[in-house]
C-alpha atoms as a PDB file:
ATOM      1  CA  UNK A   1     142.909 101.287  81.343  1.00  0.00           C
ATOM      2  CA  UNK A   2     140.823 104.336  83.163  1.00  0.00           C
ATOM      3  CA  UNK A   3     139.199 105.365  79.554  1.00  0.00           C
ATOM      4  CA  UNK A   4     137.173 103.032  78.162  1.00  0.00           C
ATOM      5  CA  UNK A   5     135.618  99.368  76.790  1.00  0.00           C
ATOM      6  CA  UNK A   6     135.193  99.179  73.422  1.00  0.00           C
ATOM      7  CA  UNK A   7     132.500 101.766  72.740  1.00  0.00           C
ATOM      8  CA  UNK A   8     131.779 102.650  76.041  1.00  0.00           C
ATOM      9  CA  UNK A   9     133.797 105.624  77.443  1.00  0.00           C
ATOM     10  CA  UNK A  10     134.010 106.725  80.889  1.00  0.00           C
ATOM     11  CA  UNK A  11     132.215 110.022  81.216  1.00  0.00           C
ATOM     12  CA  UNK A  12     129.923 109.196  78.883  1.00  0.00           C
ATOM     13  CA  UNK A  13     126.011 109.853  79.840  1.00  0.00           C
ATOM     14  CA  UNK A  14     123.409 106.677  80.210  1.00  0.00           C
ATOM     15  CA  UNK A  15     121.925 107.896  76.557  1.00  0.00           C
ATOM     16  CA  UNK A  16     125.296 107.818  74.944  1.00  0.00           C
ATOM     17  CA  UNK A  17     125.498 104.312  76.800  1.00  0.00           C
ATOM     18  CA  UNK A  18     121.904 103.242  75.868  1.00  0.00           C
ATOM     19  CA  UNK A  19     122.239 104.142  72.048  1.00  0.00           C
ATOM     20  CA  UNK A  20     125.609 101.759  71.984  1.00  0.00           C
ATOM     21  CA  UNK A  21     124.062  98.931  73.042  1.00  0.00           C
ATOM     22  CA  UNK A  22     121.060  99.192  71.249  1.00  0.00           C
ATOM     23  CA  UNK A  23     123.521  99.906  68.027  1.00  0.00           C
ATOM     24  CA  UNK A  24     125.299  96.113  68.729  1.00  0.00           C
ATOM     25  CA  UNK A  25     124.137  93.282  66.728  1.00  0.00           C
ATOM     26  CA  UNK A  26     122.514  91.140  67.210  1.00  0.00           C
ATOM     27  CA  UNK A  27     120.851  93.332  69.998  1.00  0.00           C
ATOM     28  CA  UNK A  28     121.492  91.648  73.332  1.00  0.00           C
ATOM     29  CA  UNK A  29     119.342  92.043  76.464  1.00  0.00           C
ATOM     30  CA  UNK A  30     120.533  94.013  79.104  1.00  0.00           C
ATOM     31  CA  UNK A  31     118.538  95.388  82.316  1.00  0.00           C
ATOM     32  CA  UNK A  32     118.949  98.876  84.644  1.00  0.00           C
ATOM     33  CA  UNK A  33     118.951  98.716  88.254  1.00  0.00           C
ATOM     34  CA  UNK A  34     118.814 101.804  89.742  1.00  0.00           C
ATOM     35  CA  UNK A  35     116.791 103.019  93.120  1.00  0.00           C
ATOM     36  CA  UNK A  36     113.288 103.849  93.443  1.00  0.00           C
ATOM     37  CA  UNK A  37     112.762 105.531  96.990  1.00  0.00           C
ATOM     38  CA  UNK A  38     116.120 107.330  96.539  1.00  0.00           C
ATOM     39  CA  UNK A  39     117.098 107.635  93.239  1.00  0.00           C
ATOM     40  CA  UNK A  40     120.106 110.100  93.933  1.00  0.00           C
ATOM     41  CA  UNK A  41     121.794 107.641  96.362  1.00  0.00           C
ATOM     42  CA  UNK A  42     122.886 104.140  94.851  1.00  0.00           C
ATOM     43  CA  UNK A  43     124.466 103.827  91.417  1.00  0.00           C
ATOM     44  CA  UNK A  44     122.560 103.158  88.059  1.00  0.00           C
ATOM     45  CA  UNK A  45     123.518  99.709  86.788  1.00  0.00           C
ATOM     46  CA  UNK A  46     122.789  98.406  83.778  1.00  0.00           C
ATOM     47  CA  UNK A  47     123.738  94.967  83.747  1.00  0.00           C
ATOM     48  CA  UNK A  48     124.194  92.910  80.445  1.00  0.00           C
ATOM     49  CA  UNK A  49     124.247  89.417  81.346  1.00  0.00           C
ATOM     50  CA  UNK A  50     124.404  87.460  78.175  1.00  0.00           C
ATOM     51  CA  UNK A  51     128.221  89.975  78.074  1.00  0.00           C
ATOM     52  CA  UNK A  52     128.728  89.138  81.637  1.00  0.00           C
ATOM     53  CA  UNK A  53     129.278  93.274  81.848  1.00  0.00           C
ATOM     54  CA  UNK A  54     128.052  95.934  84.472  1.00  0.00           C
ATOM     55  CA  UNK A  55     128.180  99.581  83.961  1.00  0.00           C
ATOM     56  CA  UNK A  56     127.939 101.583  86.831  1.00  0.00           C
ATOM     57  CA  UNK A  57     126.959 105.090  86.793  1.00  0.00           C
ATOM     58  CA  UNK A  58     126.846 108.203  88.885  1.00  0.00           C
ATOM     59  CA  UNK A  59     123.391 108.889  89.656  1.00  0.00           C
ATOM     60  CA  UNK A  60     123.457 112.106  90.158  1.00  0.00           C
ATOM     61  CA  UNK A  61     125.047 113.311  87.481  1.00  0.00           C
ATOM     62  CA  UNK A  62     124.331 110.150  85.130  1.00  0.00           C
ATOM     63  CA  UNK A  63     127.309 109.595  83.448  1.00  0.00           C
ATOM     64  CA  UNK A  64     129.282 106.064  83.399  1.00  0.00           C
ATOM     65  CA  UNK A  65     131.903 105.617  85.809  1.00  0.00           C
ATOM     66  CA  UNK A  66     132.762 102.255  86.338  1.00  0.00           C
ATOM     67  CA  UNK A  67     133.076  99.580  83.703  1.00  0.00           C
ATOM     68  CA  UNK A  68     132.504  95.699  84.979  1.00  0.00           C
ATOM     69  CA  UNK A  69     133.027  92.540  83.254  1.00  0.00           C
ATOM     70  CA  UNK A  70     132.092  89.984  86.037  1.00  0.00           C
ATOM     71  CA  UNK A  71     132.492  86.943  83.141  1.00  0.00           C
ATOM     72  CA  UNK A  72     135.569  87.179  81.011  1.00  0.00           C
ATOM     73  CA  UNK A  73     134.872  84.123  79.231  1.00  0.00           C
ATOM     74  CA  UNK A  74     131.999  85.646  77.861  1.00  0.00           C
ATOM     75  CA  UNK A  75     133.743  88.661  75.372  1.00  0.00           C
ATOM     76  CA  UNK A  76     136.707  88.787  73.696  1.00  0.00           C
ATOM     77  CA  UNK A  77     139.426  91.524  74.757  1.00  0.00           C
ATOM     78  CA  UNK A  78     142.014  93.342  72.588  1.00  0.00           C
ATOM     79  CA  UNK A  79     144.417  95.510  74.297  1.00  0.00           C
ATOM     80  CA  UNK A  80     146.388  96.118  71.493  1.00  0.00           C
ATOM     81  CA  UNK A  81     150.172  96.976  73.097  1.00  0.00           C
ATOM     82  CA  UNK A  82     149.219  98.806  76.076  1.00  0.00           C
ATOM     83  CA  UNK A  83     150.728  96.649  79.046  1.00  0.00           C
ATOM     84  CA  UNK A  84     148.344  95.874  81.228  1.00  0.00           C
ATOM     85  CA  UNK A  85     150.246  93.240  83.760  1.00  0.00           C
ATOM     86  CA  UNK A  86     153.637  93.982  85.448  1.00  0.00           C
ATOM     87  CA  UNK A  87     155.432  96.903  86.091  1.00  0.00           C
ATOM     88  CA  UNK A  88     155.343  97.775  90.601  1.00  0.00           C
ATOM     89  CA  UNK A  89     151.642  97.513  91.628  1.00  0.00           C
ATOM     90  CA  UNK A  90     150.938  96.134  94.276  1.00  0.00           C
ATOM     91  CA  UNK A  91     148.018  93.707  94.890  1.00  0.00           C
ATOM     92  CA  UNK A  92     145.539  93.307  97.751  1.00  0.00           C
ATOM     93  CA  UNK A  93     143.262  90.564  98.514  1.00  0.00           C
ATOM     94  CA  UNK A  94     139.597  91.368  99.506  1.00  0.00           C
ATOM     95  CA  UNK A  95     137.805  88.712 101.365  1.00  0.00           C
ATOM     96  CA  UNK A  96     134.122  90.377 100.571  1.00  0.00           C
ATOM     97  CA  UNK A  97     134.456  88.837  97.168  1.00  0.00           C
ATOM     98  CA  UNK A  98     136.794  85.791  98.362  1.00  0.00           C
ATOM     99  CA  UNK A  99     139.097  87.325  95.418  1.00  0.00           C
ATOM    100  CA  UNK A 100     142.772  88.011  94.862  1.00  0.00           C
ATOM    101  CA  UNK A 101     142.431  91.904  93.350  1.00  0.00           C
ATOM    102  CA  UNK A 102     145.467  92.424  91.425  1.00  0.00           C
ATOM    103  CA  UNK A 103     145.122  96.663  91.256  1.00  0.00           C
ATOM    104  CA  UNK A 104     146.522  99.658  89.139  1.00  0.00           C
ATOM    105  CA  UNK A 105     145.616 102.862  88.135  1.00  0.00           C
ATOM    106  CA  UNK A 106     142.709 103.064  85.883  1.00  0.00           C
ATOM    107  CA  UNK A 107     141.926  99.030  86.653  1.00  0.00           C
ATOM    108  CA  UNK A 108     141.931  95.848  88.140  1.00  0.00           C
ATOM    109  CA  UNK A 109     141.752  92.342  87.396  1.00  0.00           C
ATOM    110  CA  UNK A 110     140.160  89.635  89.774  1.00  0.00           C
ATOM    111  CA  UNK A 111     141.361  86.206  90.864  1.00  0.00           C
ATOM    112  CA  UNK A 112     138.973  84.095  92.350  1.00  0.00           C
ATOM    113  CA  UNK A 113     141.061  81.978  95.246  1.00  0.00           C
ATOM    114  CA  UNK A 114     139.376  78.686  96.138  1.00  0.00           C
ATOM    115  CA  UNK A 115     137.645  78.010  99.587  1.00  0.00           C
ATOM    116  CA  UNK A 116     140.570  76.125 101.375  1.00  0.00           C
ATOM    117  CA  UNK A 117     143.004  78.203 100.080  1.00  0.00           C
ATOM    118  CA  UNK A 118     142.148  81.654 101.005  1.00  0.00           C
ATOM    119  CA  UNK A 119     143.564  82.078 104.859  1.00  0.00           C
ATOM    120  CA  UNK A 120     146.941  81.097 102.905  1.00  0.00           C
ATOM    121  CA  UNK A 121     146.751  84.616 100.813  1.00  0.00           C
ATOM    122  CA  UNK A 122     144.467  86.940 102.836  1.00  0.00           C
ATOM    123  CA  UNK A 123     147.648  88.783 104.118  1.00  0.00           C
ATOM    124  CA  UNK A 124     149.526  88.355 101.797  1.00  0.00           C
ATOM    125  CA  UNK A 125     150.732  90.564  98.435  1.00  0.00           C
ATOM    126  CA  UNK A 126     151.524  88.264  96.309  1.00  0.00           C
ATOM    127  CA  UNK A 127     149.555  85.986  93.511  1.00  0.00           C
ATOM    128  CA  UNK A 128     150.713  82.823  93.648  1.00  0.00           C
ATOM    129  CA  UNK A 129     151.963  81.473  90.542  1.00  0.00           C
ATOM    130  CA  UNK A 130     150.374  78.027  91.233  1.00  0.00           C
ATOM    131  CA  UNK A 131     148.287  76.727  94.005  1.00  0.00           C
ATOM    132  CA  UNK A 132     149.290  74.006  96.060  1.00  0.00           C
ATOM    133  CA  UNK A 133     147.100  71.569  94.616  1.00  0.00           C
ATOM    134  CA  UNK A 134     148.845  72.962  91.121  1.00  0.00           C
ATOM    135  CA  UNK A 135     146.087  75.060  89.729  1.00  0.00           C
ATOM    136  CA  UNK A 136     147.261  78.246  87.776  1.00  0.00           C
ATOM    137  CA  UNK A 137     144.892  80.904  88.602  1.00  0.00           C
ATOM    138  CA  UNK A 138     143.003  82.206  85.968  1.00  0.00           C
ATOM    139  CA  UNK A 139     141.501  86.362  85.621  1.00  0.00           C
ATOM    140  CA  UNK A 140     137.582  85.635  86.222  1.00  0.00           C
ATOM    141  CA  UNK A 141     136.841  89.726  86.053  1.00  0.00           C
ATOM    142  CA  UNK A 142     138.575  93.158  85.680  1.00  0.00           C
ATOM    143  CA  UNK A 143     137.345  97.241  86.001  1.00  0.00           C
ATOM    144  CA  UNK A 144     137.843 100.117  84.661  1.00  0.00           C
ATOM    145  CA  UNK A 145     137.981 103.136  86.229  1.00  0.00           C
ATOM    146  CA  UNK A 146     139.445 106.727  86.945  1.00  0.00           C
ATOM    147  CA  UNK A 147     141.691 106.577  90.240  1.00  0.00           C
ATOM    148  CA  UNK A 148     143.631 103.633  91.832  1.00  0.00           C
ATOM    149  CA  UNK A 149     140.932 102.129  93.447  1.00  0.00           C
ATOM    150  CA  UNK A 150     137.663 100.340  92.130  1.00  0.00           C
ATOM    151  CA  UNK A 151     136.115 100.726  96.258  1.00  0.00           C
ATOM    152  CA  UNK A 152     136.211 104.495  95.686  1.00  0.00           C
ATOM    153  CA  UNK A 153     136.613 105.389  91.896  1.00  0.00           C
ATOM    154  CA  UNK A 154     137.043 108.884  91.152  1.00  0.00           C
ATOM    155  CA  UNK A 155     134.092 110.492  89.191  1.00  0.00           C
ATOM    156  CA  UNK A 156     135.218 110.980  85.089  1.00  0.00           C
ATOM    157  CA  UNK A 157     135.259 114.086  83.427  1.00  0.00           C
ATOM    158  CA  UNK A 158     132.132 113.808  80.729  1.00  0.00           C
ATOM    159  CA  UNK A 159     133.009 112.992  77.363  1.00  0.00           C
ATOM    160  CA  UNK A 160     130.546 116.021  76.093  1.00  0.00           C
ATOM    161  CA  UNK A 161     132.008 119.341  76.733  1.00  0.00           C
ATOM    162  CA  UNK A 162     128.599 121.014  77.884  1.00  0.00           C
ATOM    163  CA  UNK A 163     127.186 118.188  79.378  1.00  0.00           C
ATOM    164  CA  UNK A 164     125.669 119.434  83.026  1.00  0.00           C
ATOM    165  CA  UNK A 165     126.248 122.426  82.521  1.00  0.00           C
ATOM    166  CA  UNK A 166     124.689 125.191  84.892  1.00  0.00           C
ATOM    167  CA  UNK A 167     121.719 126.985  82.968  1.00  0.00           C
ATOM    168  CA  UNK A 168     120.121 130.144  83.971  1.00  0.00           C
ATOM    169  CA  UNK A 169     116.480 131.193  83.818  1.00  0.00           C
ATOM    170  CA  UNK A 170     115.423 134.835  82.617  1.00  0.00           C
ATOM    171  CA  UNK A 171     112.415 136.099  82.886  1.00  0.00           C
ATOM    172  CA  UNK A 172     112.047 139.586  81.633  1.00  0.00           C
ATOM    173  CA  UNK A 173     108.768 141.840  80.609  1.00  0.00           C
ATOM    174  CA  UNK A 174     109.444 141.065  77.180  1.00  0.00           C
ATOM    175  CA  UNK A 175     110.903 137.900  76.706  1.00  0.00           C
ATOM    176  CA  UNK A 176     112.042 134.691  78.417  1.00  0.00           C
ATOM    177  CA  UNK A 177     115.531 133.670  77.401  1.00  0.00           C
ATOM    178  CA  UNK A 178     116.991 130.222  78.627  1.00  0.00           C
ATOM    179  CA  UNK A 179     120.987 131.052  79.340  1.00  0.00           C
ATOM    180  CA  UNK A 180     123.500 128.427  78.746  1.00  0.00           C
ATOM    181  CA  UNK A 181     126.434 129.606  80.932  1.00  0.00           C
ATOM    182  CA  UNK A 182     128.935 127.032  79.631  1.00  0.00           C
ATOM    183  CA  UNK A 183     128.567 126.988  75.808  1.00  0.00           C
ATOM    184  CA  UNK A 184     127.586 131.213  76.320  1.00  0.00           C
ATOM    185  CA  UNK A 185     124.633 130.472  74.175  1.00  0.00           C
ATOM    186  CA  UNK A 186     120.465 130.927  74.958  1.00  0.00           C
ATOM    187  CA  UNK A 187     117.147 130.182  73.659  1.00  0.00           C
ATOM    188  CA  UNK A 188     113.810 132.640  73.874  1.00  0.00           C
ATOM    189  CA  UNK A 189     109.990 131.520  74.228  1.00  0.00           C
ATOM    190  CA  UNK A 190     108.441 132.223  70.899  1.00  0.00           C
ATOM    191  CA  UNK A 191     111.382 131.197  68.767  1.00  0.00           C
ATOM    192  CA  UNK A 192     110.832 129.194  65.709  1.00  0.00           C
ATOM    193  CA  UNK A 193     112.577 125.339  65.993  1.00  0.00           C
ATOM    194  CA  UNK A 194     114.922 126.529  63.274  1.00  0.00           C
ATOM    195  CA  UNK A 195     116.417 129.292  65.369  1.00  0.00           C
ATOM    196  CA  UNK A 196     116.699 126.601  68.256  1.00  0.00           C
ATOM    197  CA  UNK A 197     118.076 124.017  66.428  1.00  0.00           C
ATOM    198  CA  UNK A 198     120.668 126.302  65.308  1.00  0.00           C
ATOM    199  CA  UNK A 199     121.873 127.214  68.870  1.00  0.00           C
ATOM    200  CA  UNK A 200     121.147 123.912  70.576  1.00  0.00           C
ATOM    201  CA  UNK A 201     121.205 121.612  67.523  1.00  0.00           C
ATOM    202  CA  UNK A 202     118.674 119.082  66.340  1.00  0.00           C
ATOM    203  CA  UNK A 203     116.601 117.196  69.218  1.00  0.00           C
ATOM    204  CA  UNK A 204     117.438 113.653  69.841  1.00  0.00           C
ATOM    205  CA  UNK A 205     113.247 112.853  69.614  1.00  0.00           C
ATOM    206  CA  UNK A 206     110.192 114.617  68.706  1.00  0.00           C
ATOM    207  CA  UNK A 207     106.721 114.092  70.513  1.00  0.00           C
ATOM    208  CA  UNK A 208     103.396 115.077  69.060  1.00  0.00           C
ATOM    209  CA  UNK A 209     100.195 115.876  71.283  1.00  0.00           C
ATOM    210  CA  UNK A 210      96.787 114.418  70.214  1.00  0.00           C
ATOM    211  CA  UNK A 211      95.742 116.293  67.513  1.00  0.00           C
ATOM    212  CA  UNK A 212      92.654 118.012  68.680  1.00  0.00           C
ATOM    213  CA  UNK A 213      89.794 120.039  65.926  1.00  0.00           C
ATOM    214  CA  UNK A 214      89.087 121.985  68.902  1.00  0.00           C
ATOM    215  CA  UNK A 215      92.576 122.561  70.261  1.00  0.00           C
ATOM    216  CA  UNK A 216      94.287 122.763  66.827  1.00  0.00           C
ATOM    217  CA  UNK A 217      95.110 125.866  64.269  1.00  0.00           C
ATOM    218  CA  UNK A 218      94.746 125.790  60.462  1.00  0.00           C
ATOM    219  CA  UNK A 219      97.885 126.529  58.814  1.00  0.00           C
ATOM    220  CA  UNK A 220      97.345 125.842  55.015  1.00  0.00           C
ATOM    221  CA  UNK A 221      94.724 123.625  55.010  1.00  0.00           C
ATOM    222  CA  UNK A 222      95.284 121.364  57.806  1.00  0.00           C
ATOM    223  CA  UNK A 223      95.789 120.816  61.562  1.00  0.00           C
ATOM    224  CA  UNK A 224      98.614 121.291  63.008  1.00  0.00           C
ATOM    225  CA  UNK A 225      98.925 119.947  67.278  1.00  0.00           C
ATOM    226  CA  UNK A 226     101.694 121.197  69.362  1.00  0.00           C
ATOM    227  CA  UNK A 227     104.690 119.134  70.022  1.00  0.00           C
ATOM    228  CA  UNK A 228     107.847 118.494  72.089  1.00  0.00           C
ATOM    229  CA  UNK A 229     111.242 118.956  70.772  1.00  0.00           C
ATOM    230  CA  UNK A 230     112.977 116.609  73.262  1.00  0.00           C
ATOM    231  CA  UNK A 231     116.769 116.901  74.616  1.00  0.00           C
ATOM    232  CA  UNK A 232     117.422 114.250  77.569  1.00  0.00           C
ATOM    233  CA  UNK A 233     121.009 115.060  77.226  1.00  0.00           C
ATOM    234  CA  UNK A 234     120.819 118.497  78.265  1.00  0.00           C
ATOM    235  CA  UNK A 235     117.484 117.988  80.781  1.00  0.00           C
ATOM    236  CA  UNK A 236     115.287 119.890  78.799  1.00  0.00           C
ATOM    237  CA  UNK A 237     111.903 119.442  76.272  1.00  0.00           C
ATOM    238  CA  UNK A 238     110.920 122.351  74.059  1.00  0.00           C
ATOM    239  CA  UNK A 239     107.307 122.670  73.537  1.00  0.00           C
ATOM    240  CA  UNK A 240     106.164 124.013  70.145  1.00  0.00           C
ATOM    241  CA  UNK A 241     102.275 125.702  69.449  1.00  0.00           C
ATOM    242  CA  UNK A 242     100.476 125.165  66.925  1.00  0.00           C
ATOM    243  CA  UNK A 243     101.550 128.336  64.899  1.00  0.00           C
ATOM    244  CA  UNK A 244     105.502 126.269  65.542  1.00  0.00           C
ATOM    245  CA  UNK A 245     107.086 129.071  68.399  1.00  0.00           C
ATOM    246  CA  UNK A 246     108.109 127.685  71.363  1.00  0.00           C
ATOM    247  CA  UNK A 247     105.534 127.992  74.203  1.00  0.00           C
ATOM    248  CA  UNK A 248     106.994 125.782  76.990  1.00  0.00           C
ATOM    249  CA  UNK A 249     110.321 125.054  78.452  1.00  0.00           C
ATOM    250  CA  UNK A 250     110.471 122.122  81.235  1.00  0.00           C
ATOM    251  CA  UNK A 251     114.025 121.374  82.788  1.00  0.00           C
ATOM    252  CA  UNK A 252     113.795 117.880  84.140  1.00  0.00           C
ATOM    253  CA  UNK A 253     116.676 115.897  86.253  1.00  0.00           C
ATOM    254  CA  UNK A 254     115.992 112.783  84.336  1.00  0.00           C
ATOM    255  CA  UNK A 255     115.176 110.706  87.395  1.00  0.00           C
ATOM    256  CA  UNK A 256     114.920 107.120  86.280  1.00  0.00           C
ATOM    257  CA  UNK A 257     111.558 105.361  87.049  1.00  0.00           C
END
């Protein structure tokens, strides 16, 4: 609890989670919900209905903060030897969800309360072994998060050491540099792709602009156009010119939409 479930780890970036979702076989459909008007006001949520799974992301840092299984019958979960139930931990009833919630440090489990018995347990702290009609409560969902209350989970630390680090732009008379304060590294305009990769690692993707004979340069008998190296996890796009020199660095927030 408070760490993750399967391939999903609290603190992972949206890019990491999307990669994990797309790598599953067979691939299952999922939806991404966010506030298009105020993208930093509400959580970004990825919903995989076939798994009964919702992944909640902090809208600013875009890191995974809550893993919610709202239909446990759709997945097979293994916890190894970790004790999930038991211990001196109190439970609370949340009438807004019409569920009895057993809360733990780093997680909670939800049990539905039949409508005819909700008034019996609304003010209680003990989950009944069985309802008056003889039925036994069965868990229908659970959540994993950091902290002791799923209504206000703490923001987990990023899984990547230098994720969301501060970046400084230094503009001088002879050169312009981009300084990554956390990792103590920098890149400069005019660098080759090899020099940049040696500092930042390989790009996630490469995008080539449409080659125009009037806009390209002849190199080794062929036309080479401009192209981007994309680093979405760093919020960077680096444009290289036809001579393979970094001519522009685009800093972005990766806002959805």
